[in-house]
C-alpha atoms as a PDB file:
ATOM      1  CA  MET A   1       0.000   0.000   0.000  1.00  0.00           C
ATOM      2  CA  THR A   2       1.179   3.525  -0.814  1.00  0.00           C
ATOM      3  CA  THR A   3       0.648   6.458   1.566  1.00  0.00           C
ATOM      4  CA  THR A   4       0.684   9.880  -0.089  1.00  0.00           C
ATOM      5  CA  LEU A   5      -0.341  13.482   0.568  1.00  0.00           C
ATOM      6  CA  ARG A   6      -3.002  15.066  -1.633  1.00  0.00           C
ATOM      7  CA  PRO A   7      -3.532  18.862  -1.468  1.00  0.00           C
ATOM      8  CA  ALA A   8      -6.916  19.646   0.086  1.00  0.00           C
ATOM      9  CA  GLU A   9      -6.745  23.403  -0.558  1.00  0.00           C
ATOM     10  CA  PRO A  10      -4.617  25.971  -2.411  1.00  0.00           C
ATOM     11  CA  LEU A  11      -1.455  27.247  -0.782  1.00  0.00           C
ATOM     12  CA  ARG A  12      -2.542  30.002   1.606  1.00  0.00           C
ATOM     13  CA  HIS A  13      -0.666  33.247   2.222  1.00  0.00           C
ATOM     14  CA  ASN A  14      -1.866  34.268   5.661  1.00  0.00           C
ATOM     15  CA  PRO A  15      -2.180  37.796   7.125  1.00  0.00           C
ATOM     16  CA  ASP A  16       0.665  37.100   9.589  1.00  0.00           C
ATOM     17  CA  GLY A  17       3.077  36.463   6.716  1.00  0.00           C
ATOM     18  CA  THR A  18       3.071  32.668   6.995  1.00  0.00           C
ATOM     19  CA  ARG A  19       2.221  30.145   4.291  1.00  0.00           C
ATOM     20  CA  SER A  20       0.103  27.064   4.973  1.00  0.00           C
ATOM     21  CA  ARG A  21      -1.678  24.237   3.229  1.00  0.00           C
ATOM     22  CA  ARG A  22      -3.862  21.299   4.252  1.00  0.00           C
ATOM     23  CA  TYR A  23      -3.311  17.853   2.745  1.00  0.00           C
ATOM     24  CA  ALA A  24      -5.340  14.678   2.813  1.00  0.00           C
ATOM     25  CA  VAL A  25      -3.331  11.640   3.906  1.00  0.00           C
ATOM     26  CA  CYS A  26      -4.254   8.910   1.427  1.00  0.00           C
ATOM     27  CA  VAL A  27      -3.567   5.197   1.179  1.00  0.00           C
ATOM     28  CA  ASN A  28      -3.984   4.027  -2.407  1.00  0.00           C
ATOM     29  CA  SER A  29      -6.025   7.234  -3.011  1.00  0.00           C
ATOM     30  CA  ARG A  30      -8.292   6.480  -0.009  1.00  0.00           C
ATOM     31  CA  PRO A  31      -8.312   9.356   2.541  1.00  0.00           C
ATOM     32  CA  VAL A  32      -7.288   8.145   6.000  1.00  0.00           C
ATOM     33  CA  GLY A  33      -6.435  11.448   7.695  1.00  0.00           C
ATOM     34  CA  GLU A  34      -5.102  14.969   7.215  1.00  0.00           C
ATOM     35  CA  ILE A  35      -2.010  17.031   7.839  1.00  0.00           C
ATOM     36  CA  HIS A  36      -1.784  20.803   8.081  1.00  0.00           C
ATOM     37  CA  LEU A  37       1.631  22.220   7.210  1.00  0.00           C
ATOM     38  CA  GLY A  38       2.752  25.840   7.428  1.00  0.00           C
ATOM     39  CA  THR A  39       5.706  28.100   8.017  1.00  0.00           C
ATOM     40  CA  SER A  40       6.537  29.143  11.569  1.00  0.00           C
ATOM     41  CA  PRO A  41       4.732  32.320  12.711  1.00  0.00           C
ATOM     42  CA  SER A  42       7.688  33.223  14.943  1.00  0.00           C
ATOM     43  CA  LEU A  43      10.681  32.063  12.882  1.00  0.00           C
ATOM     44  CA  GLY A  44       9.419  32.819   9.383  1.00  0.00           C
ATOM     45  CA  ASP A  45       9.981  31.133   6.017  1.00  0.00           C
ATOM     46  CA  PRO A  46      13.156  29.160   6.900  1.00  0.00           C
ATOM     47  CA  VAL A  47      11.232  27.028   9.428  1.00  0.00           C
ATOM     48  CA  ALA A  48       8.180  24.919   8.628  1.00  0.00           C
ATOM     49  CA  ARG A  49       5.695  23.700  11.220  1.00  0.00           C
ATOM     50  CA  ILE A  50       3.442  20.661  11.357  1.00  0.00           C
ATOM     51  CA  ILE A  51       0.362  22.465  12.643  1.00  0.00           C
ATOM     52  CA  ASP A  52      -1.825  19.378  12.869  1.00  0.00           C
ATOM     53  CA  LEU A  53      -1.619  15.692  11.970  1.00  0.00           C
ATOM     54  CA  ARG A  54      -4.587  13.380  12.352  1.00  0.00           C
ATOM     55  CA  ILE A  55      -5.133   9.793  11.251  1.00  0.00           C
ATOM     56  CA  ALA A  56      -8.608   8.254  11.438  1.00  0.00           C
ATOM     57  CA  GLU A  57      -8.972   5.681  14.217  1.00  0.00           C
ATOM     58  CA  PRO A  58      -9.349   2.577  11.958  1.00  0.00           C
ATOM     59  CA  ASP A  59      -6.024   3.395  10.275  1.00  0.00           C
ATOM     60  CA  ARG A  60      -3.946   4.235  13.334  1.00  0.00           C
ATOM     61  CA  ARG A  61      -0.960   2.176  14.473  1.00  0.00           C
ATOM     62  CA  ARG A  62      -0.172   1.208  10.869  1.00  0.00           C
ATOM     63  CA  GLY A  63       2.553   3.745  10.191  1.00  0.00           C
ATOM     64  CA  ARG A  64       0.291   6.164   8.304  1.00  0.00           C
ATOM     65  CA  GLY A  65       1.259   9.108  10.529  1.00  0.00           C
ATOM     66  CA  THR A  66       4.954   8.341  10.172  1.00  0.00           C
ATOM     67  CA  VAL A  67       4.809   8.296   6.379  1.00  0.00           C
ATOM     68  CA  ALA A  68       2.684  11.458   6.340  1.00  0.00           C
ATOM     69  CA  ALA A  69       5.224  13.288   8.518  1.00  0.00           C
ATOM     70  CA  LEU A  70       8.062  12.160   6.234  1.00  0.00           C
ATOM     71  CA  ALA A  71       6.122  13.353   3.194  1.00  0.00           C
ATOM     72  CA  ALA A  72       5.628  16.706   4.940  1.00  0.00           C
ATOM     73  CA  GLU A  73       9.414  17.021   5.173  1.00  0.00           C
ATOM     74  CA  GLU A  74       9.642  16.813   1.394  1.00  0.00           C
ATOM     75  CA  VAL A  75       6.981  19.504   1.013  1.00  0.00           C
ATOM     76  CA  ALA A  76       8.854  21.740   3.457  1.00  0.00           C
ATOM     77  CA  ARG A  77      12.106  21.246   1.546  1.00  0.00           C
ATOM     78  CA  GLY A  78      10.265  22.294  -1.618  1.00  0.00           C
ATOM     79  CA  TRP A  79       9.242  25.487   0.190  1.00  0.00           C
ATOM     80  CA  GLY A  80      12.937  26.170   0.869  1.00  0.00           C
ATOM     81  CA  CYS A  81      12.713  25.480   4.619  1.00  0.00           C
ATOM     82  CA  VAL A  82      15.800  24.316   6.506  1.00  0.00           C
ATOM     83  CA  GLN A  83      14.062  23.150   9.673  1.00  0.00           C
ATOM     84  CA  LEU A  84      10.733  21.572  10.626  1.00  0.00           C
ATOM     85  CA  GLU A  85       9.068  22.039  14.007  1.00  0.00           C
ATOM     86  CA  ALA A  86       6.119  20.544  15.857  1.00  0.00           C
ATOM     87  CA  LEU A  87       4.394  21.657  19.047  1.00  0.00           C
ATOM     88  CA  VAL A  88       3.123  18.675  21.031  1.00  0.00           C
ATOM     89  CA  PRO A  89       1.186  18.694  24.332  1.00  0.00           C
ATOM     90  CA  ALA A  90       3.106  16.988  27.140  1.00  0.00           C
ATOM     91  CA  THR A  91       0.272  14.462  27.543  1.00  0.00           C
ATOM     92  CA  ALA A  92       0.352  13.327  23.874  1.00  0.00           C
ATOM     93  CA  ASP A  93       2.607  10.303  24.356  1.00  0.00           C
ATOM     94  CA  ALA A  94       1.854   8.741  20.972  1.00  0.00           C
ATOM     95  CA  ALA A  95       2.699  11.928  19.066  1.00  0.00           C
ATOM     96  CA  LEU A  96       5.877  12.454  21.091  1.00  0.00           C
ATOM     97  CA  GLY A  97       6.927   8.890  20.321  1.00  0.00           C
ATOM     98  CA  LEU A  98       6.272   9.353  16.608  1.00  0.00           C
ATOM     99  CA  PHE A  99       8.348  12.516  16.333  1.00  0.00           C
ATOM    100  CA  HIS A 100      11.213  11.110  18.403  1.00  0.00           C
ATOM    101  CA  THR A 101      11.303   8.089  16.094  1.00  0.00           C
ATOM    102  CA  LEU A 102      11.606  10.428  13.106  1.00  0.00           C
ATOM    103  CA  GLY A 103      14.631  12.190  14.585  1.00  0.00           C
ATOM    104  CA  TYR A 104      13.003  15.235  16.157  1.00  0.00           C
ATOM    105  CA  THR A 105      14.561  16.514  19.365  1.00  0.00           C
ATOM    106  CA  VAL A 106      13.104  18.710  22.086  1.00  0.00           C
ATOM    107  CA  ARG A 107      14.086  22.329  21.393  1.00  0.00           C
ATOM    108  CA  ASN A 108      12.259  23.943  24.298  1.00  0.00           C
ATOM    109  CA  ARG A 109       9.442  23.245  26.721  1.00  0.00           C
ATOM    110  CA  GLY A 110       6.554  25.259  28.065  1.00  0.00           C
ATOM    111  CA  MET A 111       6.068  24.714  31.796  1.00  0.00           C
ATOM    112  CA  ASP A 112       3.339  25.819  34.217  1.00  0.00           C
ATOM    113  CA  LYS A 113       2.905  25.991  37.967  1.00  0.00           C
ATOM    114  CA  ARG A 114      -0.418  26.383  39.744  1.00  0.00           C
ATOM    115  CA  LEU A 115       0.084  28.880  42.539  1.00  0.00           C
ATOM    116  CA  GLY A 116      -1.289  29.075  46.046  1.00  0.00           C
ATOM    117  CA  ALA A 117      -2.989  32.065  47.638  1.00  0.00           C
ATOM    118  CA  THR A 118      -0.078  33.257  49.788  1.00  0.00           C
ATOM    119  CA  PRO A 119       2.850  35.063  48.137  1.00  0.00           C
ATOM    120  CA  PRO A 120       6.158  33.405  49.099  1.00  0.00           C
ATOM    121  CA  ALA A 121       8.615  35.406  51.199  1.00  0.00           C
ATOM    122  CA  LEU A 122      12.023  36.323  49.805  1.00  0.00           C
ATOM    123  CA  PRO A 123      15.120  35.151  51.720  1.00  0.00           C
ATOM    124  CA  PRO A 124      16.622  37.521  54.333  1.00  0.00           C
ATOM    125  CA  GLY A 125      18.830  40.160  52.713  1.00  0.00           C
ATOM    126  CA  SER A 126      16.999  39.980  49.363  1.00  0.00           C
ATOM    127  CA  ARG A 127      14.705  42.723  48.104  1.00  0.00           C
ATOM    128  CA  ALA A 128      13.235  43.687  44.744  1.00  0.00           C
ATOM    129  CA  ARG A 129      12.785  47.119  43.208  1.00  0.00           C
ATOM    130  CA  PRO A 130      11.463  48.355  39.850  1.00  0.00           C
ATOM    131  CA  MET A 131      13.973  48.572  37.003  1.00  0.00           C
ATOM    132  CA  THR A 132      15.004  52.103  36.054  1.00  0.00           C
ATOM    133  CA  GLU A 133      14.866  53.495  32.519  1.00  0.00           C
ATOM    134  CA  GLU A 134      18.665  53.461  32.297  1.00  0.00           C
ATOM    135  CA  GLU A 135      18.799  49.859  33.484  1.00  0.00           C
ATOM    136  CA  TYR A 136      16.055  48.909  31.034  1.00  0.00           C
ATOM    137  CA  ASP A 137      17.938  50.352  28.063  1.00  0.00           C
ATOM    138  CA  ALA A 138      21.033  48.313  28.960  1.00  0.00           C
ATOM    139  CA  TRP A 139      18.952  45.215  29.710  1.00  0.00           C
ATOM    140  CA  VAL A 140      16.955  45.213  26.458  1.00  0.00           C
ATOM    141  CA  ALA A 141      20.079  45.585  24.309  1.00  0.00           C
ATOM    142  CA  ASP A 142      21.803  42.696  26.091  1.00  0.00           C
ATOM    143  CA  GLU A 143      18.732  40.454  26.282  1.00  0.00           C
ATOM    144  CA  SER A 144      17.835  40.955  22.606  1.00  0.00           C
ATOM    145  CA  GLU A 145      21.316  39.849  21.535  1.00  0.00           C
ATOM    146  CA  ARG A 146      21.311  36.922  23.940  1.00  0.00           C
ATOM    147  CA  PHE A 147      17.878  35.785  22.753  1.00  0.00           C
ATOM    148  CA  ALA A 148      18.932  35.899  19.095  1.00  0.00           C
ATOM    149  CA  HIS A 149      22.062  33.843  19.815  1.00  0.00           C
ATOM    150  CA  THR A 150      19.978  31.230  21.619  1.00  0.00           C
ATOM    151  CA  TRP A 151      18.042  30.577  18.404  1.00  0.00           C
ATOM    152  CA  ILE A 152      21.165  30.685  16.247  1.00  0.00           C
ATOM    153  CA  ASP A 153      22.698  27.985  18.490  1.00  0.00           C
ATOM    154  CA  LEU A 154      19.550  25.910  17.904  1.00  0.00           C
ATOM    155  CA  GLY A 155      20.182  25.849  14.146  1.00  0.00           C
ATOM    156  CA  VAL A 156      17.912  28.707  13.082  1.00  0.00           C
ATOM    157  CA  PRO A 157      19.491  30.875  10.348  1.00  0.00           C
ATOM    158  CA  GLU A 158      21.000  34.037  11.811  1.00  0.00           C
ATOM    159  CA  ALA A 159      18.769  36.410   9.848  1.00  0.00           C
ATOM    160  CA  ALA A 160      15.631  34.593  11.025  1.00  0.00           C
ATOM    161  CA  ALA A 161      16.867  34.458  14.633  1.00  0.00           C
ATOM    162  CA  ARG A 162      17.614  38.176  14.725  1.00  0.00           C
ATOM    163  CA  ALA A 163      14.277  38.977  13.074  1.00  0.00           C
ATOM    164  CA  LYS A 164      12.501  36.887  15.715  1.00  0.00           C
ATOM    165  CA  SER A 165      14.286  38.756  18.494  1.00  0.00           C
ATOM    166  CA  ARG A 166      13.345  42.140  17.019  1.00  0.00           C
ATOM    167  CA  ASN A 167       9.749  41.166  16.294  1.00  0.00           C
ATOM    168  CA  ASP A 168       9.123  39.485  19.647  1.00  0.00           C
ATOM    169  CA  HIS A 169      10.413  42.449  21.621  1.00  0.00           C
ATOM    170  CA  ALA A 170       8.454  44.919  19.482  1.00  0.00           C
ATOM    171  CA  ARG A 171       5.268  42.869  19.920  1.00  0.00           C
ATOM    172  CA  LEU A 172       5.627  42.178  23.640  1.00  0.00           C
ATOM    173  CA  LEU A 173       7.081  45.551  24.656  1.00  0.00           C
ATOM    174  CA  PRO A 174       5.547  48.166  22.339  1.00  0.00           C
ATOM    175  CA  HIS A 175       6.070  50.883  24.971  1.00  0.00           C
ATOM    176  CA  GLY A 176       9.229  49.529  26.535  1.00  0.00           C
ATOM    177  CA  LEU A 177       9.332  49.786  30.291  1.00  0.00           C
ATOM    178  CA  ALA A 178       5.916  51.523  30.273  1.00  0.00           C
ATOM    179  CA  THR A 179       4.130  48.648  28.488  1.00  0.00           C
ATOM    180  CA  ASP A 180       0.907  47.712  30.281  1.00  0.00           C
ATOM    181  CA  GLY A 181       0.784  44.362  32.059  1.00  0.00           C
ATOM    182  CA  VAL A 182       4.537  43.824  32.402  1.00  0.00           C
ATOM    183  CA  LEU A 183       6.768  44.096  35.448  1.00  0.00           C
ATOM    184  CA  PHE A 184      10.534  44.645  35.268  1.00  0.00           C
ATOM    185  CA  SER A 185      12.405  44.122  38.510  1.00  0.00           C
ATOM    186  CA  VAL A 186      15.964  44.205  39.802  1.00  0.00           C
ATOM    187  CA  LEU A 187      16.796  41.820  42.638  1.00  0.00           C
ATOM    188  CA  GLU A 188      19.229  43.107  45.244  1.00  0.00           C
ATOM    189  CA  ASN A 189      21.033  41.092  47.884  1.00  0.00           C
ATOM    190  CA  GLU A 190      22.457  43.069  50.799  1.00  0.00           C
ATOM    191  CA  GLY A 191      22.011  46.176  48.672  1.00  0.00           C
ATOM    192  CA  VAL A 192      23.909  44.813  45.651  1.00  0.00           C
ATOM    193  CA  PRO A 193      22.055  44.193  42.329  1.00  0.00           C
ATOM    194  CA  VAL A 194      22.297  40.460  41.511  1.00  0.00           C
ATOM    195  CA  GLY A 195      19.724  39.826  38.773  1.00  0.00           C
ATOM    196  CA  THR A 196      16.706  40.913  36.739  1.00  0.00           C
ATOM    197  CA  LEU A 197      13.186  39.645  36.103  1.00  0.00           C
ATOM    198  CA  TRP A 198      10.612  40.266  33.340  1.00  0.00           C
ATOM    199  CA  VAL A 199       7.103  39.035  34.144  1.00  0.00           C
ATOM    200  CA  ALA A 200       3.862  39.577  32.212  1.00  0.00           C
ATOM    201  CA  VAL A 201       0.712  39.486  34.312  1.00  0.00           C
ATOM    202  CA  GLY A 202      -1.944  39.544  31.597  1.00  0.00           C
ATOM    203  CA  GLU A 203      -4.802  37.086  31.255  1.00  0.00           C
ATOM    204  CA  PRO A 204      -5.241  34.201  31.703  1.00  0.00           C
ATOM    205  CA  LYS A 205      -1.959  33.449  33.457  1.00  0.00           C
ATOM    206  CA  ALA A 206       1.241  35.212  34.405  1.00  0.00           C
ATOM    207  CA  TYR A 207       4.360  34.423  32.421  1.00  0.00           C
ATOM    208  CA  VAL A 208       8.095  34.668  33.084  1.00  0.00           C
ATOM    209  CA  PHE A 209       9.684  35.973  29.891  1.00  0.00           C
ATOM    210  CA  ASP A 210      13.189  36.458  31.222  1.00  0.00           C
ATOM    211  CA  VAL A 211      15.018  35.700  34.449  1.00  0.00           C
ATOM    212  CA  GLU A 212      18.731  36.422  34.678  1.00  0.00           C
ATOM    213  CA  THR A 213      21.263  36.248  37.497  1.00  0.00           C
ATOM    214  CA  TYR A 214      24.334  38.369  36.848  1.00  0.00           C
ATOM    215  CA  PRO A 215      27.370  36.133  36.100  1.00  0.00           C
ATOM    216  CA  ALA A 216      29.360  37.250  39.152  1.00  0.00           C
ATOM    217  CA  HIS A 217      26.502  36.230  41.467  1.00  0.00           C
ATOM    218  CA  ARG A 218      25.513  32.835  40.062  1.00  0.00           C
ATOM    219  CA  GLY A 219      25.522  29.671  42.129  1.00  0.00           C
ATOM    220  CA  ARG A 220      24.258  31.443  45.253  1.00  0.00           C
ATOM    221  CA  GLY A 221      20.529  30.755  45.028  1.00  0.00           C
ATOM    222  CA  HIS A 222      19.530  34.062  43.471  1.00  0.00           C
ATOM    223  CA  GLY A 223      17.837  32.326  40.530  1.00  0.00           C
ATOM    224  CA  ARG A 224      15.479  30.612  42.979  1.00  0.00           C
ATOM    225  CA  THR A 225      14.842  33.939  44.692  1.00  0.00           C
ATOM    226  CA  LEU A 226      13.986  35.561  41.349  1.00  0.00           C
ATOM    227  CA  MET A 227      11.469  32.801  40.674  1.00  0.00           C
ATOM    228  CA  LEU A 228       9.929  33.299  44.137  1.00  0.00           C
ATOM    229  CA  LEU A 229       9.647  36.976  43.250  1.00  0.00           C
ATOM    230  CA  ALA A 230       7.845  36.015  40.016  1.00  0.00           C
ATOM    231  CA  GLU A 231       5.389  33.931  42.045  1.00  0.00           C
ATOM    232  CA  ARG A 232       4.793  36.855  44.418  1.00  0.00           C
ATOM    233  CA  GLN A 233       4.057  39.177  41.524  1.00  0.00           C
ATOM    234  CA  ALA A 234       1.701  36.674  39.873  1.00  0.00           C
ATOM    235  CA  ILE A 235      -0.255  36.016  43.054  1.00  0.00           C
ATOM    236  CA  GLU A 236      -0.468  39.722  43.906  1.00  0.00           C
ATOM    237  CA  SER A 237      -1.823  40.314  40.386  1.00  0.00           C
ATOM    238  CA  GLY A 238      -4.516  37.687  40.899  1.00  0.00           C
ATOM    239  CA  ARG A 239      -3.085  35.139  38.472  1.00  0.00           C
ATOM    240  CA  PRO A 240      -3.491  31.498  39.567  1.00  0.00           C
ATOM    241  CA  VAL A 241      -0.918  30.037  37.143  1.00  0.00           C
ATOM    242  CA  LEU A 242       2.650  31.052  36.281  1.00  0.00           C
ATOM    243  CA  GLY A 243       4.147  29.843  33.001  1.00  0.00           C
ATOM    244  CA  LEU A 244       7.601  29.920  31.461  1.00  0.00           C
ATOM    245  CA  ASN A 245       9.754  28.530  28.674  1.00  0.00           C
ATOM    246  CA  VAL A 246      12.970  26.589  29.123  1.00  0.00           C
ATOM    247  CA  PHE A 247      15.339  25.655  26.313  1.00  0.00           C
ATOM    248  CA  ALA A 248      16.598  22.077  26.109  1.00  0.00           C
ATOM    249  CA  GLY A 249      20.124  21.716  27.442  1.00  0.00           C
ATOM    250  CA  ASN A 250      19.726  24.427  30.088  1.00  0.00           C
ATOM    251  CA  THR A 251      20.104  21.798  32.796  1.00  0.00           C
ATOM    252  CA  PRO A 252      20.444  24.144  35.811  1.00  0.00           C
ATOM    253  CA  ALA A 253      17.232  25.952  34.852  1.00  0.00           C
ATOM    254  CA  GLU A 254      15.383  22.684  34.205  1.00  0.00           C
ATOM    255  CA  HIS A 255      16.388  21.364  37.630  1.00  0.00           C
ATOM    256  CA  LEU A 256      15.429  24.639  39.308  1.00  0.00           C
ATOM    257  CA  TYR A 257      11.976  24.776  37.739  1.00  0.00           C
ATOM    258  CA  ALA A 258      11.274  21.120  38.502  1.00  0.00           C
ATOM    259  CA  SER A 259      12.311  21.620  42.137  1.00  0.00           C
ATOM    260  CA  LEU A 260       9.893  24.551  42.396  1.00  0.00           C
ATOM    261  CA  GLY A 261       6.971  22.465  41.140  1.00  0.00           C
ATOM    262  CA  TYR A 262       6.754  23.453  37.464  1.00  0.00           C
ATOM    263  CA  GLU A 263       5.460  20.771  35.112  1.00  0.00           C
ATOM    264  CA  PRO A 264       5.810  20.479  31.306  1.00  0.00           C
ATOM    265  CA  VAL A 265       2.673  21.344  29.355  1.00  0.00           C
ATOM    266  CA  LEU A 266       4.082  21.659  25.829  1.00  0.00           C
ATOM    267  CA  HIS A 267       7.085  20.176  24.027  1.00  0.00           C
ATOM    268  CA  CYS A 268       8.491  22.127  21.073  1.00  0.00           C
ATOM    269  CA  LEU A 269      10.324  19.666  18.812  1.00  0.00           C
ATOM    270  CA  SER A 270      12.491  20.396  15.797  1.00  0.00           C
ATOM    271  CA  LYS A 271      14.394  18.588  13.084  1.00  0.00           C
ATOM    272  CA  PRO A 272      16.923  19.933  10.543  1.00  0.00           C
ATOM    273  CA  LEU A 273      16.010  19.341   6.903  1.00  0.00           C
ATOM    274  CA  LEU A 274      19.315  18.281   5.364  1.00  0.00           C
END
């Protein structure tokens, strides 16, 4: 039997600048499922994304999904993409197994923590204060460069990585330090600045966008204190859940978040298209 993809619609050029197309997954011309393929809304044309992949129940566990995903790689190569990504819920064991078998690796994870009603106390000697305009200007220049290099190290072309950094910061911080719904803090220990925190407290949950301990002060527990500060800010803003992203390979951060009770909710997988 031959499994193929058959276009189910014309190639779409979407308002956000992405391209996408739906395909029927067919076995000997008989439809058995569908796959929705597009370019990444955050990384642009060089990176394709499997938006959805579904095989009808009677045809599952026969390798149809595997062949469909491989066929999607060929389509993405034809679009000129150099990488293919998939976002998979942490509870979708079958999908995670399929993508791992095909050579996808975890690029980053979304994690959540359900918070209690009482804001945690900061350790003795630690206090937080709002970031100043001067500090913000220095922070945003450094963080933008660091964020771009993170994606470059993950195999994203440099131009796409730098565009993502610019676009994300413009979208999330249209008014810089004065943007509504965001909190920028500097953590001090015994009066000395030791790190920074960027938290968004919009609906429906709070989100840690950046947490950074200054290099000279790492290994002293300040990262944990910054995360306790994030929890305080979320609870005080009435948000019951605090989310964050962690990149694969950042072992200290992964251990810290797990020890604080964060659990994976989404796995972002990627595969280079050689």
